[in-house]
């Protein structure tokens, strides 16, 4: 007895039904992936810039120590610049800390709760991230006024004649870091809300 192959049913366009995927779905998935990769690049780039600032701060401190021991005097701008860099480093690396879930929290409580009551734990995490977004967003909003004042008044650190630096570039980077952190808090809150909408197993 001969074997007669049977062709699989095709759609009206001549393609197999199993291979048909709406173009709009493909476009939405592709655009979502590009958006996620772009946001990841922004968060990680901010953290990398913060790491560079840490290296710069270490070099400044080491140079100041050498100057104190060799010349008996401190370098100009060290104390003021160090204070600005510490705040700047925290602001730039905050979003990556939120993304990696490295913020301080009571793991003794949230860990067992996530295992026993995952939906309740997700609700608490959502509230935590929303509060974090509100706090960092408020700090960013307050930084806008400080940045505007520094630009208008020409604020600087240091001593004229010895060395000065304008403060507005530091304020602008602090504002950028806080804004990125607030948006990352919101993204994390959205992820937790999405997990709440899933049906319980």
C-alpha atoms as a PDB file:
ATOM      1  CA  UNK A   1       0.000   0.000   0.000  1.00  0.00           C
ATOM      2  CA  UNK A   2       1.435   3.358  -0.988  1.00  0.00           C
ATOM      3  CA  UNK A   3       1.739   6.277   1.393  1.00  0.00           C
ATOM      4  CA  UNK A   4      -0.067   9.413   0.313  1.00  0.00           C
ATOM      5  CA  UNK A   5       1.242  12.578   2.020  1.00  0.00           C
ATOM      6  CA  UNK A   6      -1.406  14.920   3.301  1.00  0.00           C
ATOM      7  CA  UNK A   7      -0.621  18.623   3.158  1.00  0.00           C
ATOM      8  CA  UNK A   8      -1.143  20.648   6.315  1.00  0.00           C
ATOM      9  CA  UNK A   9      -3.896  23.253   6.140  1.00  0.00           C
ATOM     10  CA  UNK A  10      -2.685  26.692   5.255  1.00  0.00           C
ATOM     11  CA  UNK A  11      -4.083  30.076   5.989  1.00  0.00           C
ATOM     12  CA  UNK A  12      -5.523  32.371   3.369  1.00  0.00           C
ATOM     13  CA  UNK A  13      -2.141  34.001   2.850  1.00  0.00           C
ATOM     14  CA  UNK A  14      -0.463  30.680   2.047  1.00  0.00           C
ATOM     15  CA  UNK A  15       1.503  30.297   5.307  1.00  0.00           C
ATOM     16  CA  UNK A  16       1.147  27.563   7.882  1.00  0.00           C
ATOM     17  CA  UNK A  17      -1.300  28.275  10.696  1.00  0.00           C
ATOM     18  CA  UNK A  18       1.303  27.421  13.340  1.00  0.00           C
ATOM     19  CA  UNK A  19       3.666  30.030  11.923  1.00  0.00           C
ATOM     20  CA  UNK A  20       1.168  32.860  11.806  1.00  0.00           C
ATOM     21  CA  UNK A  21       1.917  35.584  14.367  1.00  0.00           C
ATOM     22  CA  UNK A  22       0.195  38.962  14.202  1.00  0.00           C
ATOM     23  CA  UNK A  23       2.616  41.638  13.087  1.00  0.00           C
ATOM     24  CA  UNK A  24       1.340  44.007  15.780  1.00  0.00           C
ATOM     25  CA  UNK A  25       2.274  41.494  18.505  1.00  0.00           C
ATOM     26  CA  UNK A  26       5.757  41.086  17.058  1.00  0.00           C
ATOM     27  CA  UNK A  27       6.213  44.845  16.872  1.00  0.00           C
ATOM     28  CA  UNK A  28       5.038  45.347  20.452  1.00  0.00           C
ATOM     29  CA  UNK A  29       7.365  42.633  21.770  1.00  0.00           C
ATOM     30  CA  UNK A  30      10.282  44.059  19.782  1.00  0.00           C
ATOM     31  CA  UNK A  31       9.648  47.628  20.934  1.00  0.00           C
ATOM     32  CA  UNK A  32       9.228  46.461  24.528  1.00  0.00           C
ATOM     33  CA  UNK A  33      12.555  44.637  24.383  1.00  0.00           C
ATOM     34  CA  UNK A  34      14.330  47.680  22.970  1.00  0.00           C
ATOM     35  CA  UNK A  35      12.788  49.896  25.636  1.00  0.00           C
ATOM     36  CA  UNK A  36      13.875  47.514  28.397  1.00  0.00           C
ATOM     37  CA  UNK A  37      17.423  47.307  27.026  1.00  0.00           C
ATOM     38  CA  UNK A  38      17.586  51.080  26.723  1.00  0.00           C
ATOM     39  CA  UNK A  39      16.419  51.564  30.296  1.00  0.00           C
ATOM     40  CA  UNK A  40      18.912  48.948  31.508  1.00  0.00           C
ATOM     41  CA  UNK A  41      21.672  50.860  29.732  1.00  0.00           C
ATOM     42  CA  UNK A  42      20.638  54.099  31.474  1.00  0.00           C
ATOM     43  CA  UNK A  43      20.538  52.511  34.946  1.00  0.00           C
ATOM     44  CA  UNK A  44      23.827  50.667  34.521  1.00  0.00           C
ATOM     45  CA  UNK A  45      25.458  53.709  32.932  1.00  0.00           C
ATOM     46  CA  UNK A  46      24.458  55.823  35.923  1.00  0.00           C
ATOM     47  CA  UNK A  47      25.954  53.235  38.275  1.00  0.00           C
ATOM     48  CA  UNK A  48      29.154  53.081  36.203  1.00  0.00           C
ATOM     49  CA  UNK A  49      29.480  56.862  36.382  1.00  0.00           C
ATOM     50  CA  UNK A  50      29.043  56.633  40.149  1.00  0.00           C
ATOM     51  CA  UNK A  51      31.838  54.057  40.293  1.00  0.00           C
ATOM     52  CA  UNK A  52      34.098  56.424  38.366  1.00  0.00           C
ATOM     53  CA  UNK A  53      33.266  59.120  40.910  1.00  0.00           C
ATOM     54  CA  UNK A  54      34.321  56.759  43.718  1.00  0.00           C
ATOM     55  CA  UNK A  55      37.684  56.255  42.030  1.00  0.00           C
ATOM     56  CA  UNK A  56      38.045  60.014  41.595  1.00  0.00           C
ATOM     57  CA  UNK A  57      37.206  60.626  45.250  1.00  0.00           C
ATOM     58  CA  UNK A  58      39.809  58.063  46.336  1.00  0.00           C
ATOM     59  CA  UNK A  59      42.460  59.743  44.186  1.00  0.00           C
ATOM     60  CA  UNK A  60      41.590  63.159  45.607  1.00  0.00           C
ATOM     61  CA  UNK A  61      41.840  61.885  49.183  1.00  0.00           C
ATOM     62  CA  UNK A  62      45.171  60.152  48.497  1.00  0.00           C
ATOM     63  CA  UNK A  63      46.566  63.292  46.848  1.00  0.00           C
ATOM     64  CA  UNK A  64      45.450  65.379  49.820  1.00  0.00           C
ATOM     65  CA  UNK A  65      47.172  62.982  52.242  1.00  0.00           C
ATOM     66  CA  UNK A  66      50.409  63.217  50.260  1.00  0.00           C
ATOM     67  CA  UNK A  67      50.172  67.022  50.149  1.00  0.00           C
ATOM     68  CA  UNK A  68      49.628  67.240  53.906  1.00  0.00           C
ATOM     69  CA  UNK A  69      52.644  65.044  54.654  1.00  0.00           C
ATOM     70  CA  UNK A  70      55.007  66.490  52.031  1.00  0.00           C
ATOM     71  CA  UNK A  71      54.041  70.164  51.882  1.00  0.00           C
ATOM     72  CA  UNK A  72      52.306  70.545  55.229  1.00  0.00           C
ATOM     73  CA  UNK A  73      49.143  71.973  53.644  1.00  0.00           C
ATOM     74  CA  UNK A  74      45.895  70.614  52.286  1.00  0.00           C
ATOM     75  CA  UNK A  75      44.917  70.820  48.633  1.00  0.00           C
ATOM     76  CA  UNK A  76      42.225  73.361  47.724  1.00  0.00           C
ATOM     77  CA  UNK A  77      38.644  72.204  47.073  1.00  0.00           C
ATOM     78  CA  UNK A  78      39.148  68.842  48.789  1.00  0.00           C
ATOM     79  CA  UNK A  79      36.615  69.170  51.607  1.00  0.00           C
ATOM     80  CA  UNK A  80      33.893  70.872  49.526  1.00  0.00           C
ATOM     81  CA  UNK A  81      34.424  68.608  46.524  1.00  0.00           C
ATOM     82  CA  UNK A  82      34.440  65.509  48.707  1.00  0.00           C
ATOM     83  CA  UNK A  83      31.087  66.446  50.225  1.00  0.00           C
ATOM     84  CA  UNK A  84      29.495  66.960  46.813  1.00  0.00           C
ATOM     85  CA  UNK A  85      30.949  63.735  45.419  1.00  0.00           C
ATOM     86  CA  UNK A  86      29.583  61.624  48.283  1.00  0.00           C
ATOM     87  CA  UNK A  87      26.035  62.856  47.626  1.00  0.00           C
ATOM     88  CA  UNK A  88      26.542  62.464  43.877  1.00  0.00           C
ATOM     89  CA  UNK A  89      27.769  58.871  44.211  1.00  0.00           C
ATOM     90  CA  UNK A  90      24.736  57.883  46.284  1.00  0.00           C
ATOM     91  CA  UNK A  91      22.336  59.495  43.801  1.00  0.00           C
ATOM     92  CA  UNK A  92      23.950  57.911  40.739  1.00  0.00           C
ATOM     93  CA  UNK A  93      24.057  54.387  42.168  1.00  0.00           C
ATOM     94  CA  UNK A  94      20.653  54.393  43.849  1.00  0.00           C
ATOM     95  CA  UNK A  95      18.747  53.188  40.768  1.00  0.00           C
ATOM     96  CA  UNK A  96      21.061  50.195  40.284  1.00  0.00           C
ATOM     97  CA  UNK A  97      20.679  49.363  43.976  1.00  0.00           C
ATOM     98  CA  UNK A  98      16.893  49.378  43.617  1.00  0.00           C
ATOM     99  CA  UNK A  99      17.098  47.305  40.439  1.00  0.00           C
ATOM    100  CA  UNK A 100      19.255  44.654  42.139  1.00  0.00           C
ATOM    101  CA  UNK A 101      16.970  44.651  45.218  1.00  0.00           C
ATOM    102  CA  UNK A 102      19.911  45.624  47.437  1.00  0.00           C
ATOM    103  CA  UNK A 103      18.141  48.182  49.596  1.00  0.00           C
ATOM    104  CA  UNK A 104      18.129  47.453  53.309  1.00  0.00           C
ATOM    105  CA  UNK A 105      15.030  45.542  54.387  1.00  0.00           C
ATOM    106  CA  UNK A 106      14.014  42.982  56.980  1.00  0.00           C
ATOM    107  CA  UNK A 107      14.667  39.715  55.147  1.00  0.00           C
ATOM    108  CA  UNK A 108      13.735  37.766  58.283  1.00  0.00           C
ATOM    109  CA  UNK A 109      10.162  38.969  57.753  1.00  0.00           C
ATOM    110  CA  UNK A 110       9.764  39.351  54.001  1.00  0.00           C
ATOM    111  CA  UNK A 111      11.498  36.053  53.143  1.00  0.00           C
ATOM    112  CA  UNK A 112       9.124  33.694  54.983  1.00  0.00           C
ATOM    113  CA  UNK A 113       6.169  35.865  53.972  1.00  0.00           C
ATOM    114  CA  UNK A 114       7.111  35.524  50.286  1.00  0.00           C
ATOM    115  CA  UNK A 115       7.215  31.742  50.679  1.00  0.00           C
ATOM    116  CA  UNK A 116       3.914  31.422  52.553  1.00  0.00           C
ATOM    117  CA  UNK A 117       1.882  34.372  51.271  1.00  0.00           C
ATOM    118  CA  UNK A 118       3.418  35.505  47.970  1.00  0.00           C
ATOM    119  CA  UNK A 119       0.535  37.823  47.091  1.00  0.00           C
ATOM    120  CA  UNK A 120       0.708  39.599  50.440  1.00  0.00           C
ATOM    121  CA  UNK A 121       4.485  39.929  50.074  1.00  0.00           C
ATOM    122  CA  UNK A 122       4.026  41.352  46.575  1.00  0.00           C
ATOM    123  CA  UNK A 123       1.522  43.882  47.939  1.00  0.00           C
ATOM    124  CA  UNK A 124       3.985  44.991  50.628  1.00  0.00           C
ATOM    125  CA  UNK A 125       6.778  45.276  48.062  1.00  0.00           C
ATOM    126  CA  UNK A 126       4.508  47.343  45.828  1.00  0.00           C
ATOM    127  CA  UNK A 127       3.785  49.738  48.686  1.00  0.00           C
ATOM    128  CA  UNK A 128       7.502  49.902  49.511  1.00  0.00           C
ATOM    129  CA  UNK A 129       8.453  50.781  45.932  1.00  0.00           C
ATOM    130  CA  UNK A 130       5.673  53.356  45.617  1.00  0.00           C
ATOM    131  CA  UNK A 131       6.818  55.061  48.821  1.00  0.00           C
ATOM    132  CA  UNK A 132      10.393  54.963  47.533  1.00  0.00           C
ATOM    133  CA  UNK A 133       9.283  56.556  44.260  1.00  0.00           C
ATOM    134  CA  UNK A 134       7.454  59.302  46.166  1.00  0.00           C
ATOM    135  CA  UNK A 135      10.449  60.041  48.416  1.00  0.00           C
ATOM    136  CA  UNK A 136      13.069  60.084  45.656  1.00  0.00           C
ATOM    137  CA  UNK A 137      10.707  61.991  43.375  1.00  0.00           C
ATOM    138  CA  UNK A 138      10.271  64.629  46.081  1.00  0.00           C
ATOM    139  CA  UNK A 139      14.031  64.868  46.497  1.00  0.00           C
ATOM    140  CA  UNK A 140      14.449  65.265  42.738  1.00  0.00           C
ATOM    141  CA  UNK A 141      11.798  67.992  42.655  1.00  0.00           C
ATOM    142  CA  UNK A 142      13.559  69.849  45.479  1.00  0.00           C
ATOM    143  CA  UNK A 143      16.857  69.510  43.595  1.00  0.00           C
ATOM    144  CA  UNK A 144      15.386  71.384  40.622  1.00  0.00           C
ATOM    145  CA  UNK A 145      15.089  74.570  42.678  1.00  0.00           C
ATOM    146  CA  UNK A 146      18.612  74.154  44.062  1.00  0.00           C
ATOM    147  CA  UNK A 147      19.992  73.607  40.557  1.00  0.00           C
ATOM    148  CA  UNK A 148      18.179  76.674  39.219  1.00  0.00           C
ATOM    149  CA  UNK A 149      19.485  78.828  42.071  1.00  0.00           C
ATOM    150  CA  UNK A 150      23.065  77.661  41.533  1.00  0.00           C
ATOM    151  CA  UNK A 151      22.896  78.410  37.800  1.00  0.00           C
ATOM    152  CA  UNK A 152      21.357  81.862  38.265  1.00  0.00           C
ATOM    153  CA  UNK A 153      23.642  82.944  41.113  1.00  0.00           C
ATOM    154  CA  UNK A 154      26.800  81.332  39.726  1.00  0.00           C
ATOM    155  CA  UNK A 155      27.376  79.317  42.906  1.00  0.00           C
ATOM    156  CA  UNK A 156      30.832  77.785  43.249  1.00  0.00           C
ATOM    157  CA  UNK A 157      33.017  75.938  45.734  1.00  0.00           C
ATOM    158  CA  UNK A 158      36.585  76.768  46.657  1.00  0.00           C
ATOM    159  CA  UNK A 159      38.501  79.980  47.229  1.00  0.00           C
ATOM    160  CA  UNK A 160      38.876  82.618  44.501  1.00  0.00           C
ATOM    161  CA  UNK A 161      42.509  82.904  43.536  1.00  0.00           C
ATOM    162  CA  UNK A 162      43.321  79.368  44.691  1.00  0.00           C
ATOM    163  CA  UNK A 163      40.762  77.303  42.826  1.00  0.00           C
ATOM    164  CA  UNK A 164      37.009  77.252  42.261  1.00  0.00           C
ATOM    165  CA  UNK A 165      34.470  74.948  40.647  1.00  0.00           C
ATOM    166  CA  UNK A 166      30.846  75.683  39.683  1.00  0.00           C
ATOM    167  CA  UNK A 167      28.351  73.569  41.596  1.00  0.00           C
ATOM    168  CA  UNK A 168      25.620  73.298  38.960  1.00  0.00           C
ATOM    169  CA  UNK A 169      27.147  70.305  37.071  1.00  0.00           C
ATOM    170  CA  UNK A 170      27.130  68.313  40.312  1.00  0.00           C
ATOM    171  CA  UNK A 171      23.566  69.419  41.077  1.00  0.00           C
ATOM    172  CA  UNK A 172      22.471  68.396  37.580  1.00  0.00           C
ATOM    173  CA  UNK A 173      23.959  64.914  37.961  1.00  0.00           C
ATOM    174  CA  UNK A 174      22.360  64.539  41.393  1.00  0.00           C
ATOM    175  CA  UNK A 175      19.005  65.491  39.874  1.00  0.00           C
ATOM    176  CA  UNK A 176      19.493  62.974  37.056  1.00  0.00           C
ATOM    177  CA  UNK A 177      20.408  60.188  39.476  1.00  0.00           C
ATOM    178  CA  UNK A 178      17.402  60.831  41.717  1.00  0.00           C
ATOM    179  CA  UNK A 179      15.063  60.977  38.722  1.00  0.00           C
ATOM    180  CA  UNK A 180      16.355  57.654  37.376  1.00  0.00           C
ATOM    181  CA  UNK A 181      15.973  56.102  40.835  1.00  0.00           C
ATOM    182  CA  UNK A 182      12.377  57.331  41.146  1.00  0.00           C
ATOM    183  CA  UNK A 183      11.508  55.864  37.745  1.00  0.00           C
ATOM    184  CA  UNK A 184      13.164  52.563  38.681  1.00  0.00           C
ATOM    185  CA  UNK A 185      11.077  52.465  41.867  1.00  0.00           C
ATOM    186  CA  UNK A 186       7.968  52.913  39.717  1.00  0.00           C
ATOM    187  CA  UNK A 187       9.080  50.166  37.336  1.00  0.00           C
ATOM    188  CA  UNK A 188       9.597  47.775  40.230  1.00  0.00           C
ATOM    189  CA  UNK A 189       6.184  48.676  41.632  1.00  0.00           C
ATOM    190  CA  UNK A 190       4.637  47.918  38.239  1.00  0.00           C
ATOM    191  CA  UNK A 191       6.356  44.530  38.181  1.00  0.00           C
ATOM    192  CA  UNK A 192       4.944  43.672  41.599  1.00  0.00           C
ATOM    193  CA  UNK A 193       1.471  44.822  40.552  1.00  0.00           C
ATOM    194  CA  UNK A 194       1.673  42.569  37.502  1.00  0.00           C
ATOM    195  CA  UNK A 195       2.485  39.612  39.750  1.00  0.00           C
ATOM    196  CA  UNK A 196      -0.559  40.443  41.889  1.00  0.00           C
ATOM    197  CA  UNK A 197      -2.822  40.236  38.837  1.00  0.00           C
ATOM    198  CA  UNK A 198      -1.697  36.710  38.031  1.00  0.00           C
ATOM    199  CA  UNK A 199      -4.059  34.002  39.290  1.00  0.00           C
ATOM    200  CA  UNK A 200      -2.928  32.239  42.437  1.00  0.00           C
ATOM    201  CA  UNK A 201      -1.536  28.720  41.802  1.00  0.00           C
END
